[in-house]
C-alpha atoms as a PDB file:
ATOM      1  CA  UNK A   1     -35.114  30.807  74.835  1.00  0.00           C
ATOM      2  CA  UNK A   2     -33.520  34.066  73.559  1.00  0.00           C
ATOM      3  CA  UNK A   3     -29.763  34.353  73.552  1.00  0.00           C
ATOM      4  CA  UNK A   4     -28.286  37.786  74.227  1.00  0.00           C
ATOM      5  CA  UNK A   5     -25.264  38.067  71.948  1.00  0.00           C
ATOM      6  CA  UNK A   6     -24.984  41.869  72.023  1.00  0.00           C
ATOM      7  CA  UNK A   7     -22.385  42.014  74.838  1.00  0.00           C
ATOM      8  CA  UNK A   8     -20.227  39.485  72.994  1.00  0.00           C
ATOM      9  CA  UNK A   9     -20.410  41.538  69.791  1.00  0.00           C
ATOM     10  CA  UNK A  10     -19.488  44.741  71.640  1.00  0.00           C
ATOM     11  CA  UNK A  11     -16.600  42.987  73.349  1.00  0.00           C
ATOM     12  CA  UNK A  12     -15.401  41.536  70.030  1.00  0.00           C
ATOM     13  CA  UNK A  13     -15.659  44.921  68.321  1.00  0.00           C
ATOM     14  CA  UNK A  14     -13.667  46.575  71.113  1.00  0.00           C
ATOM     15  CA  UNK A  15     -11.002  43.879  70.881  1.00  0.00           C
ATOM     16  CA  UNK A  16     -10.651  44.368  67.129  1.00  0.00           C
ATOM     17  CA  UNK A  17     -10.335  48.120  67.522  1.00  0.00           C
ATOM     18  CA  UNK A  18      -7.659  47.662  70.155  1.00  0.00           C
ATOM     19  CA  UNK A  19      -5.735  45.283  67.913  1.00  0.00           C
ATOM     20  CA  UNK A  20      -5.931  47.709  64.971  1.00  0.00           C
ATOM     21  CA  UNK A  21      -4.673  50.553  67.160  1.00  0.00           C
ATOM     22  CA  UNK A  22      -1.810  48.425  68.449  1.00  0.00           C
ATOM     23  CA  UNK A  23      -0.838  47.398  64.922  1.00  0.00           C
ATOM     24  CA  UNK A  24      -1.022  50.994  63.677  1.00  0.00           C
ATOM     25  CA  UNK A  25       1.097  52.162  66.597  1.00  0.00           C
ATOM     26  CA  UNK A  26       3.697  49.468  65.911  1.00  0.00           C
ATOM     27  CA  UNK A  27       3.841  50.421  62.219  1.00  0.00           C
ATOM     28  CA  UNK A  28       4.238  54.112  63.071  1.00  0.00           C
ATOM     29  CA  UNK A  29       7.003  53.326  65.554  1.00  0.00           C
ATOM     30  CA  UNK A  30       8.846  51.181  63.018  1.00  0.00           C
ATOM     31  CA  UNK A  31       8.471  53.911  60.394  1.00  0.00           C
ATOM     32  CA  UNK A  32       9.802  56.547  62.789  1.00  0.00           C
ATOM     33  CA  UNK A  33      12.803  54.394  63.669  1.00  0.00           C
ATOM     34  CA  UNK A  34      13.471  53.738  59.985  1.00  0.00           C
ATOM     35  CA  UNK A  35      13.426  57.441  59.128  1.00  0.00           C
ATOM     36  CA  UNK A  36      15.686  58.251  62.075  1.00  0.00           C
ATOM     37  CA  UNK A  37      18.099  55.478  61.063  1.00  0.00           C
ATOM     38  CA  UNK A  38      18.214  56.823  57.502  1.00  0.00           C
ATOM     39  CA  UNK A  39      18.970  60.334  58.767  1.00  0.00           C
ATOM     40  CA  UNK A  40      21.712  59.138  61.125  1.00  0.00           C
ATOM     41  CA  UNK A  41      23.276  56.919  58.454  1.00  0.00           C
ATOM     42  CA  UNK A  42      23.339  59.875  56.069  1.00  0.00           C
ATOM     43  CA  UNK A  43      25.020  61.908  58.807  1.00  0.00           C
ATOM     44  CA  UNK A  44      27.697  59.232  59.235  1.00  0.00           C
ATOM     45  CA  UNK A  45      28.390  59.399  55.502  1.00  0.00           C
ATOM     46  CA  UNK A  46      28.912  63.152  55.837  1.00  0.00           C
ATOM     47  CA  UNK A  47      31.297  62.588  58.761  1.00  0.00           C
ATOM     48  CA  UNK A  48      33.525  60.548  56.475  1.00  0.00           C
ATOM     49  CA  UNK A  49      33.230  63.160  53.725  1.00  0.00           C
ATOM     50  CA  UNK A  50      34.082  65.959  56.169  1.00  0.00           C
ATOM     51  CA  UNK A  51      37.089  64.052  57.528  1.00  0.00           C
ATOM     52  CA  UNK A  52      38.434  63.679  54.007  1.00  0.00           C
ATOM     53  CA  UNK A  53      37.936  67.423  53.385  1.00  0.00           C
ATOM     54  CA  UNK A  54      40.095  68.267  56.417  1.00  0.00           C
ATOM     55  CA  UNK A  55      43.070  66.392  54.990  1.00  0.00           C
ATOM     56  CA  UNK A  56      45.939  68.680  53.870  1.00  0.00           C
ATOM     57  CA  UNK A  57      46.167  66.841  50.538  1.00  0.00           C
ATOM     58  CA  UNK A  58      42.607  67.869  49.698  1.00  0.00           C
ATOM     59  CA  UNK A  59      42.907  71.445  50.896  1.00  0.00           C
ATOM     60  CA  UNK A  60      46.189  72.054  49.113  1.00  0.00           C
ATOM     61  CA  UNK A  61      44.730  70.818  45.815  1.00  0.00           C
ATOM     62  CA  UNK A  62      41.257  72.308  46.230  1.00  0.00           C
ATOM     63  CA  UNK A  63      41.561  74.693  43.291  1.00  0.00           C
ATOM     64  CA  UNK A  64      43.068  71.993  41.049  1.00  0.00           C
ATOM     65  CA  UNK A  65      40.026  69.779  41.625  1.00  0.00           C
ATOM     66  CA  UNK A  66      37.731  72.528  40.404  1.00  0.00           C
ATOM     67  CA  UNK A  67      39.764  73.537  37.365  1.00  0.00           C
ATOM     68  CA  UNK A  68      40.285  69.870  36.499  1.00  0.00           C
ATOM     69  CA  UNK A  69      36.543  69.493  35.999  1.00  0.00           C
ATOM     70  CA  UNK A  70      36.776  71.810  32.968  1.00  0.00           C
ATOM     71  CA  UNK A  71      38.524  69.185  30.850  1.00  0.00           C
ATOM     72  CA  UNK A  72      36.393  68.043  27.925  1.00  0.00           C
ATOM     73  CA  UNK A  73      33.403  70.149  28.931  1.00  0.00           C
ATOM     74  CA  UNK A  74      31.213  72.124  26.490  1.00  0.00           C
ATOM     75  CA  UNK A  75      32.077  75.861  26.290  1.00  0.00           C
ATOM     76  CA  UNK A  76      29.159  76.943  28.492  1.00  0.00           C
ATOM     77  CA  UNK A  77      30.005  74.541  31.327  1.00  0.00           C
ATOM     78  CA  UNK A  78      33.717  75.272  30.891  1.00  0.00           C
ATOM     79  CA  UNK A  79      33.023  78.983  31.381  1.00  0.00           C
ATOM     80  CA  UNK A  80      30.750  78.322  34.364  1.00  0.00           C
ATOM     81  CA  UNK A  81      33.380  76.264  36.179  1.00  0.00           C
ATOM     82  CA  UNK A  82      36.019  78.844  35.241  1.00  0.00           C
ATOM     83  CA  UNK A  83      33.927  81.584  36.851  1.00  0.00           C
ATOM     84  CA  UNK A  84      33.820  79.777  40.186  1.00  0.00           C
ATOM     85  CA  UNK A  85      37.467  78.736  39.899  1.00  0.00           C
ATOM     86  CA  UNK A  86      38.332  82.418  39.569  1.00  0.00           C
ATOM     87  CA  UNK A  87      36.507  83.197  42.816  1.00  0.00           C
ATOM     88  CA  UNK A  88      38.094  80.281  44.683  1.00  0.00           C
ATOM     89  CA  UNK A  89      41.557  81.250  43.397  1.00  0.00           C
ATOM     90  CA  UNK A  90      41.468  84.381  45.578  1.00  0.00           C
ATOM     91  CA  UNK A  91      41.988  82.146  48.646  1.00  0.00           C
ATOM     92  CA  UNK A  92      41.736  78.420  47.916  1.00  0.00           C
ATOM     93  CA  UNK A  93      42.644  77.337  51.449  1.00  0.00           C
ATOM     94  CA  UNK A  94      39.879  79.470  52.970  1.00  0.00           C
ATOM     95  CA  UNK A  95      37.242  78.040  50.619  1.00  0.00           C
ATOM     96  CA  UNK A  96      38.485  74.498  51.279  1.00  0.00           C
ATOM     97  CA  UNK A  97      38.139  74.999  55.027  1.00  0.00           C
ATOM     98  CA  UNK A  98      34.692  76.565  54.613  1.00  0.00           C
ATOM     99  CA  UNK A  99      33.561  73.455  52.759  1.00  0.00           C
ATOM    100  CA  UNK A 100      35.115  71.157  55.368  1.00  0.00           C
ATOM    101  CA  UNK A 101      33.475  73.120  58.201  1.00  0.00           C
ATOM    102  CA  UNK A 102      30.091  73.098  56.470  1.00  0.00           C
ATOM    103  CA  UNK A 103      30.207  69.349  55.912  1.00  0.00           C
ATOM    104  CA  UNK A 104      31.224  68.794  59.534  1.00  0.00           C
ATOM    105  CA  UNK A 105      28.273  70.869  60.748  1.00  0.00           C
ATOM    106  CA  UNK A 106      25.892  69.019  58.413  1.00  0.00           C
ATOM    107  CA  UNK A 107      27.075  65.666  59.753  1.00  0.00           C
ATOM    108  CA  UNK A 108      26.517  66.682  63.382  1.00  0.00           C
ATOM    109  CA  UNK A 109      23.096  68.247  62.724  1.00  0.00           C
ATOM    110  CA  UNK A 110      21.914  65.219  60.740  1.00  0.00           C
ATOM    111  CA  UNK A 111      22.897  62.784  63.468  1.00  0.00           C
ATOM    112  CA  UNK A 112      21.322  64.853  66.247  1.00  0.00           C
ATOM    113  CA  UNK A 113      18.225  65.790  64.248  1.00  0.00           C
ATOM    114  CA  UNK A 114      18.902  69.434  65.081  1.00  0.00           C
ATOM    115  CA  UNK A 115      17.936  72.477  62.980  1.00  0.00           C
ATOM    116  CA  UNK A 116      16.963  69.928  60.356  1.00  0.00           C
ATOM    117  CA  UNK A 117      15.222  72.127  57.784  1.00  0.00           C
ATOM    118  CA  UNK A 118      18.129  74.572  57.816  1.00  0.00           C
ATOM    119  CA  UNK A 119      20.679  71.778  57.441  1.00  0.00           C
ATOM    120  CA  UNK A 120      18.708  70.162  54.595  1.00  0.00           C
ATOM    121  CA  UNK A 121      18.551  73.399  52.618  1.00  0.00           C
ATOM    122  CA  UNK A 122      22.262  74.058  53.196  1.00  0.00           C
ATOM    123  CA  UNK A 123      22.997  70.461  52.201  1.00  0.00           C
ATOM    124  CA  UNK A 124      21.002  70.849  48.985  1.00  0.00           C
ATOM    125  CA  UNK A 125      22.844  74.053  48.065  1.00  0.00           C
ATOM    126  CA  UNK A 126      26.244  72.604  48.965  1.00  0.00           C
ATOM    127  CA  UNK A 127      25.619  69.395  47.008  1.00  0.00           C
ATOM    128  CA  UNK A 128      24.425  71.363  43.988  1.00  0.00           C
ATOM    129  CA  UNK A 129      27.536  73.533  44.236  1.00  0.00           C
ATOM    130  CA  UNK A 130      29.822  70.495  44.300  1.00  0.00           C
ATOM    131  CA  UNK A 131      27.924  68.808  41.478  1.00  0.00           C
ATOM    132  CA  UNK A 132      27.985  71.881  39.221  1.00  0.00           C
ATOM    133  CA  UNK A 133      31.667  72.714  39.777  1.00  0.00           C
ATOM    134  CA  UNK A 134      34.069  70.039  41.024  1.00  0.00           C
ATOM    135  CA  UNK A 135      31.968  67.278  39.450  1.00  0.00           C
ATOM    136  CA  UNK A 136      31.298  69.248  36.275  1.00  0.00           C
ATOM    137  CA  UNK A 137      27.584  68.364  36.277  1.00  0.00           C
ATOM    138  CA  UNK A 138      28.670  64.726  36.190  1.00  0.00           C
ATOM    139  CA  UNK A 139      30.266  65.198  32.761  1.00  0.00           C
ATOM    140  CA  UNK A 140      31.746  65.250  30.299  1.00  0.00           C
ATOM    141  CA  UNK A 141      29.292  62.680  29.011  1.00  0.00           C
ATOM    142  CA  UNK A 142      31.143  60.426  26.606  1.00  0.00           C
ATOM    143  CA  UNK A 143      30.129  56.894  25.604  1.00  0.00           C
ATOM    144  CA  UNK A 144      32.406  54.387  27.254  1.00  0.00           C
ATOM    145  CA  UNK A 145      33.758  56.935  29.752  1.00  0.00           C
ATOM    146  CA  UNK A 146      30.792  58.396  31.623  1.00  0.00           C
ATOM    147  CA  UNK A 147      28.980  55.951  33.894  1.00  0.00           C
ATOM    148  CA  UNK A 148      26.758  58.219  36.028  1.00  0.00           C
ATOM    149  CA  UNK A 149      25.652  61.819  36.533  1.00  0.00           C
ATOM    150  CA  UNK A 150      27.841  62.478  39.549  1.00  0.00           C
ATOM    151  CA  UNK A 151      27.665  61.477  43.198  1.00  0.00           C
ATOM    152  CA  UNK A 152      26.493  64.820  44.613  1.00  0.00           C
ATOM    153  CA  UNK A 153      23.174  64.949  42.740  1.00  0.00           C
ATOM    154  CA  UNK A 154      21.668  61.940  44.587  1.00  0.00           C
ATOM    155  CA  UNK A 155      22.590  63.745  47.811  1.00  0.00           C
ATOM    156  CA  UNK A 156      20.415  66.644  46.672  1.00  0.00           C
ATOM    157  CA  UNK A 157      17.483  64.279  46.206  1.00  0.00           C
ATOM    158  CA  UNK A 158      18.019  62.601  49.591  1.00  0.00           C
ATOM    159  CA  UNK A 159      18.203  65.957  51.377  1.00  0.00           C
ATOM    160  CA  UNK A 160      14.950  66.870  49.634  1.00  0.00           C
ATOM    161  CA  UNK A 161      13.281  63.670  50.834  1.00  0.00           C
ATOM    162  CA  UNK A 162      14.416  64.279  54.416  1.00  0.00           C
ATOM    163  CA  UNK A 163      13.044  67.814  54.195  1.00  0.00           C
ATOM    164  CA  UNK A 164       9.640  66.687  52.917  1.00  0.00           C
ATOM    165  CA  UNK A 165       9.158  64.000  55.570  1.00  0.00           C
ATOM    166  CA  UNK A 166      10.426  66.247  58.425  1.00  0.00           C
ATOM    167  CA  UNK A 167      13.009  63.632  59.401  1.00  0.00           C
ATOM    168  CA  UNK A 168      14.313  65.695  62.325  1.00  0.00           C
ATOM    169  CA  UNK A 169      11.112  65.044  64.282  1.00  0.00           C
ATOM    170  CA  UNK A 170      11.847  61.325  64.504  1.00  0.00           C
ATOM    171  CA  UNK A 171      14.112  60.580  67.473  1.00  0.00           C
ATOM    172  CA  UNK A 172      15.807  63.945  66.942  1.00  0.00           C
ATOM    173  CA  UNK A 173      16.258  67.031  69.099  1.00  0.00           C
ATOM    174  CA  UNK A 174      13.956  69.006  66.822  1.00  0.00           C
ATOM    175  CA  UNK A 175      10.886  67.411  68.387  1.00  0.00           C
ATOM    176  CA  UNK A 176      11.653  69.454  71.518  1.00  0.00           C
ATOM    177  CA  UNK A 177      13.328  72.435  69.870  1.00  0.00           C
ATOM    178  CA  UNK A 178      10.696  73.250  67.234  1.00  0.00           C
ATOM    179  CA  UNK A 179       7.937  74.414  69.627  1.00  0.00           C
ATOM    180  CA  UNK A 180      10.414  76.470  71.664  1.00  0.00           C
ATOM    181  CA  UNK A 181      11.583  78.439  68.600  1.00  0.00           C
ATOM    182  CA  UNK A 182       8.118  79.889  67.980  1.00  0.00           C
ATOM    183  CA  UNK A 183       7.953  81.601  64.607  1.00  0.00           C
ATOM    184  CA  UNK A 184      11.506  80.424  63.890  1.00  0.00           C
ATOM    185  CA  UNK A 185      10.446  76.799  64.239  1.00  0.00           C
ATOM    186  CA  UNK A 186      10.756  76.364  60.473  1.00  0.00           C
ATOM    187  CA  UNK A 187      14.536  76.336  60.967  1.00  0.00           C
ATOM    188  CA  UNK A 188      14.162  73.084  62.903  1.00  0.00           C
ATOM    189  CA  UNK A 189      11.328  70.789  61.812  1.00  0.00           C
ATOM    190  CA  UNK A 190       8.402  73.186  61.720  1.00  0.00           C
ATOM    191  CA  UNK A 191       6.723  74.873  58.761  1.00  0.00           C
ATOM    192  CA  UNK A 192       6.221  78.493  57.871  1.00  0.00           C
ATOM    193  CA  UNK A 193       2.494  78.094  58.580  1.00  0.00           C
ATOM    194  CA  UNK A 194       2.906  76.320  61.931  1.00  0.00           C
ATOM    195  CA  UNK A 195       2.533  79.454  64.024  1.00  0.00           C
ATOM    196  CA  UNK A 196      -0.690  80.437  62.278  1.00  0.00           C
ATOM    197  CA  UNK A 197      -2.076  76.895  62.573  1.00  0.00           C
ATOM    198  CA  UNK A 198      -1.308  76.651  66.279  1.00  0.00           C
ATOM    199  CA  UNK A 199      -2.804  80.090  66.805  1.00  0.00           C
ATOM    200  CA  UNK A 200      -6.049  79.022  65.105  1.00  0.00           C
ATOM    201  CA  UNK A 201      -6.240  75.874  67.226  1.00  0.00           C
ATOM    202  CA  UNK A 202      -5.713  77.857  70.417  1.00  0.00           C
ATOM    203  CA  UNK A 203      -8.415  80.330  69.365  1.00  0.00           C
ATOM    204  CA  UNK A 204     -10.945  77.531  68.918  1.00  0.00           C
ATOM    205  CA  UNK A 205     -10.071  75.946  72.257  1.00  0.00           C
ATOM    206  CA  UNK A 206     -10.152  79.101  74.371  1.00  0.00           C
ATOM    207  CA  UNK A 207     -13.548  79.960  75.883  1.00  0.00           C
ATOM    208  CA  UNK A 208     -15.277  83.015  74.436  1.00  0.00           C
ATOM    209  CA  UNK A 209     -16.762  85.628  76.715  1.00  0.00           C
END
């Protein structure tokens, strides 16, 4: 008597495929939630930073914090910080409020996942500016005194990571905003080549006469 095991094998194969798809979907969902949580947590950190920048004590001593970073620095870095201190000295309060406003905007955009690429680039530039002026490139580097390379530089790296992984697409408003912006979608979570890629896909799908 011949046993027909083919239906059982097909059923087993279908079950395995379904289980793999379910597992993959669960992993992707967990990854998306993790990325979104990282972005929101980073935004909360910037809320605290922005709140501190709005304090009168900070704004009234904004120029002093920049010039104070010149102490003990090599001549080149001393001159670099002095150059920016000269610019800020024209209106220290205005520059302090610009920084506070920028950090506030970054915090809100990070939490909402809105205009993510734009906010990441601005965050990178702002963090580099803070690191290379008020933090004096993390220096002066002296044994027994210097313990790190500054707090703003890791922010640059984290903004870069968020930019590479398109973090705004995960539980953020950019997942709806990006397609609506068209060629300006790169300001949200799109890429400069997105329009061309979507155009090519549409061309292949449309029937030819």
